[in-house]
Structures are given as C-alpha cells and as structure tokens.
C-alpha atoms as a PDB file:
ATOM      1  CA  UNK A   1       0.000   0.000   0.000  1.00  0.00           C
ATOM      2  CA  UNK A   2       1.403   3.390  -0.948  1.00  0.00           C
ATOM      3  CA  UNK A   3       0.817   5.991   1.779  1.00  0.00           C
ATOM      4  CA  UNK A   4       1.887   9.561   2.399  1.00  0.00           C
ATOM      5  CA  UNK A   5       2.554  11.482   5.618  1.00  0.00           C
ATOM      6  CA  UNK A   6       0.524  14.630   4.955  1.00  0.00           C
ATOM      7  CA  UNK A   7       2.453  17.761   5.943  1.00  0.00           C
ATOM      8  CA  UNK A   8      -0.516  20.013   6.863  1.00  0.00           C
ATOM      9  CA  UNK A   9      -2.645  17.323   8.558  1.00  0.00           C
ATOM     10  CA  UNK A  10       0.290  15.439  10.156  1.00  0.00           C
ATOM     11  CA  UNK A  11      -1.460  12.155   9.307  1.00  0.00           C
ATOM     12  CA  UNK A  12      -0.712   9.069   7.216  1.00  0.00           C
ATOM     13  CA  UNK A  13      -3.146   8.799   4.315  1.00  0.00           C
ATOM     14  CA  UNK A  14      -3.480   7.190   0.903  1.00  0.00           C
ATOM     15  CA  UNK A  15      -2.876   9.437  -2.095  1.00  0.00           C
ATOM     16  CA  UNK A  16      -5.698  11.890  -2.671  1.00  0.00           C
ATOM     17  CA  UNK A  17      -7.034  15.354  -3.103  1.00  0.00           C
ATOM     18  CA  UNK A  18      -9.864  17.374  -4.553  1.00  0.00           C
ATOM     19  CA  UNK A  19     -11.730  17.187  -7.847  1.00  0.00           C
ATOM     20  CA  UNK A  20     -11.077  20.334  -9.882  1.00  0.00           C
ATOM     21  CA  UNK A  21     -13.965  22.081 -11.665  1.00  0.00           C
ATOM     22  CA  UNK A  22     -12.810  20.927 -15.111  1.00  0.00           C
ATOM     23  CA  UNK A  23     -12.406  17.211 -14.283  1.00  0.00           C
ATOM     24  CA  UNK A  24     -14.424  14.173 -13.281  1.00  0.00           C
ATOM     25  CA  UNK A  25     -13.582  11.982 -10.263  1.00  0.00           C
ATOM     26  CA  UNK A  26     -11.594   9.514 -12.397  1.00  0.00           C
ATOM     27  CA  UNK A  27      -9.451  12.264 -13.875  1.00  0.00           C
ATOM     28  CA  UNK A  28      -8.909  13.715 -10.393  1.00  0.00           C
ATOM     29  CA  UNK A  29      -7.778  10.352  -8.998  1.00  0.00           C
ATOM     30  CA  UNK A  30      -5.300   9.886 -11.866  1.00  0.00           C
ATOM     31  CA  UNK A  31      -3.970  13.459 -11.544  1.00  0.00           C
ATOM     32  CA  UNK A  32      -3.627  13.297  -7.753  1.00  0.00           C
ATOM     33  CA  UNK A  33      -1.769   9.989  -7.951  1.00  0.00           C
ATOM     34  CA  UNK A  34       0.691  11.454 -10.483  1.00  0.00           C
ATOM     35  CA  UNK A  35       1.172  14.718  -8.532  1.00  0.00           C
ATOM     36  CA  UNK A  36       1.571  13.029  -5.151  1.00  0.00           C
ATOM     37  CA  UNK A  37       3.628   9.972  -6.085  1.00  0.00           C
ATOM     38  CA  UNK A  38       5.165  10.415  -9.534  1.00  0.00           C
ATOM     39  CA  UNK A  39       3.256   7.338 -10.763  1.00  0.00           C
ATOM     40  CA  UNK A  40       0.851   7.039 -13.646  1.00  0.00           C
ATOM     41  CA  UNK A  41      -1.744   4.610 -12.288  1.00  0.00           C
ATOM     42  CA  UNK A  42      -4.496   2.426 -13.631  1.00  0.00           C
ATOM     43  CA  UNK A  43      -7.775   2.567 -11.721  1.00  0.00           C
ATOM     44  CA  UNK A  44      -9.150  -0.879 -10.954  1.00  0.00           C
ATOM     45  CA  UNK A  45     -12.807  -1.647 -11.457  1.00  0.00           C
ATOM     46  CA  UNK A  46     -15.357  -2.241 -14.105  1.00  0.00           C
ATOM     47  CA  UNK A  47     -16.346   0.409 -16.619  1.00  0.00           C
ATOM     48  CA  UNK A  48     -19.930  -0.168 -17.724  1.00  0.00           C
ATOM     49  CA  UNK A  49     -20.662  -0.009 -21.462  1.00  0.00           C
ATOM     50  CA  UNK A  50     -22.203   3.226 -22.645  1.00  0.00           C
ATOM     51  CA  UNK A  51     -25.580   3.042 -24.295  1.00  0.00           C
ATOM     52  CA  UNK A  52     -25.748   6.151 -26.405  1.00  0.00           C
ATOM     53  CA  UNK A  53     -24.232   9.410 -27.570  1.00  0.00           C
ATOM     54  CA  UNK A  54     -23.360  11.906 -24.888  1.00  0.00           C
ATOM     55  CA  UNK A  55     -22.816   9.232 -22.230  1.00  0.00           C
ATOM     56  CA  UNK A  56     -19.413   8.494 -20.758  1.00  0.00           C
ATOM     57  CA  UNK A  57     -19.181   5.659 -18.261  1.00  0.00           C
ATOM     58  CA  UNK A  58     -16.876   6.044 -15.286  1.00  0.00           C
ATOM     59  CA  UNK A  59     -15.266   3.461 -13.048  1.00  0.00           C
ATOM     60  CA  UNK A  60     -17.128   3.627  -9.754  1.00  0.00           C
ATOM     61  CA  UNK A  61     -15.163   4.243  -6.569  1.00  0.00           C
ATOM     62  CA  UNK A  62     -14.796   1.130  -4.412  1.00  0.00           C
ATOM     63  CA  UNK A  63     -16.038   3.071  -1.359  1.00  0.00           C
ATOM     64  CA  UNK A  64     -17.586   6.455  -0.583  1.00  0.00           C
ATOM     65  CA  UNK A  65     -17.567   8.290   2.722  1.00  0.00           C
ATOM     66  CA  UNK A  66     -18.413  11.687   4.154  1.00  0.00           C
ATOM     67  CA  UNK A  67     -16.049  13.172   6.689  1.00  0.00           C
ATOM     68  CA  UNK A  68     -16.381  16.395   8.650  1.00  0.00           C
ATOM     69  CA  UNK A  69     -13.746  19.044   8.120  1.00  0.00           C
ATOM     70  CA  UNK A  70     -15.429  21.610  10.406  1.00  0.00           C
ATOM     71  CA  UNK A  71     -18.900  21.933  11.928  1.00  0.00           C
ATOM     72  CA  UNK A  72     -20.130  23.465   8.665  1.00  0.00           C
ATOM     73  CA  UNK A  73     -17.913  21.769   6.060  1.00  0.00           C
ATOM     74  CA  UNK A  74     -17.836  18.142   4.925  1.00  0.00           C
ATOM     75  CA  UNK A  75     -15.902  16.267   2.248  1.00  0.00           C
ATOM     76  CA  UNK A  76     -17.179  13.346   0.214  1.00  0.00           C
ATOM     77  CA  UNK A  77     -14.388  10.815  -0.154  1.00  0.00           C
ATOM     78  CA  UNK A  78     -14.308   8.607  -3.259  1.00  0.00           C
ATOM     79  CA  UNK A  79     -11.878   5.746  -2.734  1.00  0.00           C
ATOM     80  CA  UNK A  80     -10.460   3.984  -5.770  1.00  0.00           C
ATOM     81  CA  UNK A  81      -8.131   1.011  -5.944  1.00  0.00           C
ATOM     82  CA  UNK A  82      -5.273   1.580  -8.361  1.00  0.00           C
ATOM     83  CA  UNK A  83      -2.052   0.009  -9.578  1.00  0.00           C
ATOM     84  CA  UNK A  84       1.065   1.833 -10.772  1.00  0.00           C
ATOM     85  CA  UNK A  85       1.695   1.581 -14.529  1.00  0.00           C
ATOM     86  CA  UNK A  86       4.864   3.630 -14.882  1.00  0.00           C
ATOM     87  CA  UNK A  87       6.819   6.456 -13.324  1.00  0.00           C
ATOM     88  CA  UNK A  88       9.271   6.882 -10.499  1.00  0.00           C
ATOM     89  CA  UNK A  89       8.257   7.159  -6.853  1.00  0.00           C
ATOM     90  CA  UNK A  90       8.695  10.830  -5.966  1.00  0.00           C
ATOM     91  CA  UNK A  91       7.975  12.664  -2.720  1.00  0.00           C
ATOM     92  CA  UNK A  92       5.839  15.806  -3.157  1.00  0.00           C
ATOM     93  CA  UNK A  93       7.899  17.739  -0.582  1.00  0.00           C
ATOM     94  CA  UNK A  94       5.599  20.778  -0.480  1.00  0.00           C
ATOM     95  CA  UNK A  95       2.670  18.531   0.577  1.00  0.00           C
ATOM     96  CA  UNK A  96       4.178  15.540   2.399  1.00  0.00           C
ATOM     97  CA  UNK A  97       6.817  14.648   4.951  1.00  0.00           C
ATOM     98  CA  UNK A  98       7.193  11.108   3.611  1.00  0.00           C
ATOM     99  CA  UNK A  99       5.877   8.580   1.092  1.00  0.00           C
ATOM    100  CA  UNK A 100       6.323   4.835   1.472  1.00  0.00           C
ATOM    101  CA  UNK A 101       5.105   1.376   0.597  1.00  0.00           C
ATOM    102  CA  UNK A 102       3.614  -0.488   3.571  1.00  0.00           C
ATOM    103  CA  UNK A 103       2.444  -4.045   4.051  1.00  0.00           C
ATOM    104  CA  UNK A 104      -0.761  -4.604   6.024  1.00  0.00           C
ATOM    105  CA  UNK A 105       1.344  -5.235   9.153  1.00  0.00           C
ATOM    106  CA  UNK A 106       3.554  -2.178   8.614  1.00  0.00           C
ATOM    107  CA  UNK A 107       0.495   0.099   8.732  1.00  0.00           C
ATOM    108  CA  UNK A 108       0.468  -0.507  12.517  1.00  0.00           C
ATOM    109  CA  UNK A 109       4.036   0.792  12.871  1.00  0.00           C
ATOM    110  CA  UNK A 110       3.488   4.228  11.297  1.00  0.00           C
ATOM    111  CA  UNK A 111       4.123   7.296  13.446  1.00  0.00           C
ATOM    112  CA  UNK A 112       2.002   9.231  14.033  1.00  0.00           C
ATOM    113  CA  UNK A 113      -0.417   6.281  14.080  1.00  0.00           C
ATOM    114  CA  UNK A 114      -2.762   5.922  11.127  1.00  0.00           C
ATOM    115  CA  UNK A 115      -6.454   6.252  12.001  1.00  0.00           C
ATOM    116  CA  UNK A 116      -8.425   3.015  12.279  1.00  0.00           C
ATOM    117  CA  UNK A 117     -10.758   4.052   9.430  1.00  0.00           C
ATOM    118  CA  UNK A 118      -7.931   4.817   6.988  1.00  0.00           C
ATOM    119  CA  UNK A 119      -6.119   1.634   8.009  1.00  0.00           C
ATOM    120  CA  UNK A 120      -9.284  -0.368   7.271  1.00  0.00           C
ATOM    121  CA  UNK A 121      -9.439   1.030   3.721  1.00  0.00           C
ATOM    122  CA  UNK A 122      -5.738   0.307   3.182  1.00  0.00           C
ATOM    123  CA  UNK A 123      -6.036  -3.272   4.385  1.00  0.00           C
ATOM    124  CA  UNK A 124      -9.174  -3.804   2.321  1.00  0.00           C
ATOM    125  CA  UNK A 125      -7.318  -2.647  -0.803  1.00  0.00           C
ATOM    126  CA  UNK A 126      -4.392  -4.977  -0.108  1.00  0.00           C
ATOM    127  CA  UNK A 127      -6.754  -7.890   0.541  1.00  0.00           C
ATOM    128  CA  UNK A 128      -8.952  -7.366  -2.513  1.00  0.00           C
ATOM    129  CA  UNK A 129      -6.169  -6.678  -4.987  1.00  0.00           C
ATOM    130  CA  UNK A 130      -4.173  -9.661  -3.703  1.00  0.00           C
ATOM    131  CA  UNK A 131      -7.227 -11.907  -4.203  1.00  0.00           C
ATOM    132  CA  UNK A 132      -7.731 -10.674  -7.763  1.00  0.00           C
ATOM    133  CA  UNK A 133      -4.079 -10.886  -8.709  1.00  0.00           C
ATOM    134  CA  UNK A 134      -2.029 -12.971  -6.240  1.00  0.00           C
ATOM    135  CA  UNK A 135       0.923 -13.311  -8.609  1.00  0.00           C
ATOM    136  CA  UNK A 136       0.830  -9.743  -9.876  1.00  0.00           C
ATOM    137  CA  UNK A 137       4.304  -8.787 -10.953  1.00  0.00           C
ATOM    138  CA  UNK A 138       4.701  -5.113 -11.627  1.00  0.00           C
ATOM    139  CA  UNK A 139       8.146  -3.848 -12.581  1.00  0.00           C
ATOM    140  CA  UNK A 140       7.452  -0.948 -10.218  1.00  0.00           C
ATOM    141  CA  UNK A 141       6.109  -2.699  -7.142  1.00  0.00           C
ATOM    142  CA  UNK A 142       3.933  -5.701  -6.424  1.00  0.00           C
ATOM    143  CA  UNK A 143       1.746  -4.047  -3.758  1.00  0.00           C
ATOM    144  CA  UNK A 144      -1.441  -2.188  -4.659  1.00  0.00           C
ATOM    145  CA  UNK A 145      -1.858   1.524  -4.221  1.00  0.00           C
ATOM    146  CA  UNK A 146      -5.130   3.195  -3.383  1.00  0.00           C
ATOM    147  CA  UNK A 147      -5.997   6.605  -4.697  1.00  0.00           C
ATOM    148  CA  UNK A 148      -8.586   8.887  -3.104  1.00  0.00           C
ATOM    149  CA  UNK A 149     -10.314  11.750  -4.823  1.00  0.00           C
ATOM    150  CA  UNK A 150     -13.153  13.865  -3.516  1.00  0.00           C
ATOM    151  CA  UNK A 151     -14.909  17.078  -4.341  1.00  0.00           C
END
C-alpha cells in the first residue's frame, strides 16, 4: 500500500485530493496519484458499457464516505483502488513529509499512528487486490496503491 505522511494534517493517508472544476472523479484520482507519487496509475474496477451518444461511463469508486472538516464543512471521499503503470516514486515535498510502501502489518508501525478508518481502507485494498491478482508482478512494485479523490 502506498501511503503519504501529509504535511498540513500530520497524518498518514493514501494518495488523494480534490476534484477540480474541469475534471471528473476519475481524472482527479489519476492526476492526484501522479502529482503526489510520480506514478501514472491504472484505476481498478469495471467500466460499464455506454448506451448512447453523450454518455461516458466512469469506473465507480470502491467506497464512498463523508467526513467532517469543520462543523459546517464536509468532504465526500471517493476511494479507488489503483495500480502503478509507470513512473518513479517521488515525494511531493511541499505537501508531504514522507511517502512509502507499507504491508498490512507495517500500517500498525506508522508514526504518528494511522487512524483506524484509513487503516481499514488500506487493508481492504491490499486484501482485494491480492485476491484478484495474487501473482501480480509489476516492474514498479507488487503491492497495490489506493488513490482517493473527492470534491
């Protein structure tokens, strides 16, 4: 699992960010992954067939959540599973203290500790991607990476 230590929040999180006005959630997830890790990624999931002109099917997020930022501000989190396709792991120094690959067990060793909710998503991604592709052999890394994007 690829995680970052967010500079402003001082928390370990998967890659993620906000959807810009000119992009859809898929495009945001791909952009955030590239900006935050240096990797071009492939989102995992099924893209339904389109049925007519003017329709563009998107890969659905694996999970959605709503989390409070303040008493009057909430974010909708769209969690995608993704795999690196190419690129070089790069720390976005202006946004993060650290970036690293973690096994399910290593998530417990992170300091400051990762929240239980985020850890659950990370472990779920590792579990599900390992089940789908137990012998996955990426030239970049064999572990999955999750990507979050939210408006």
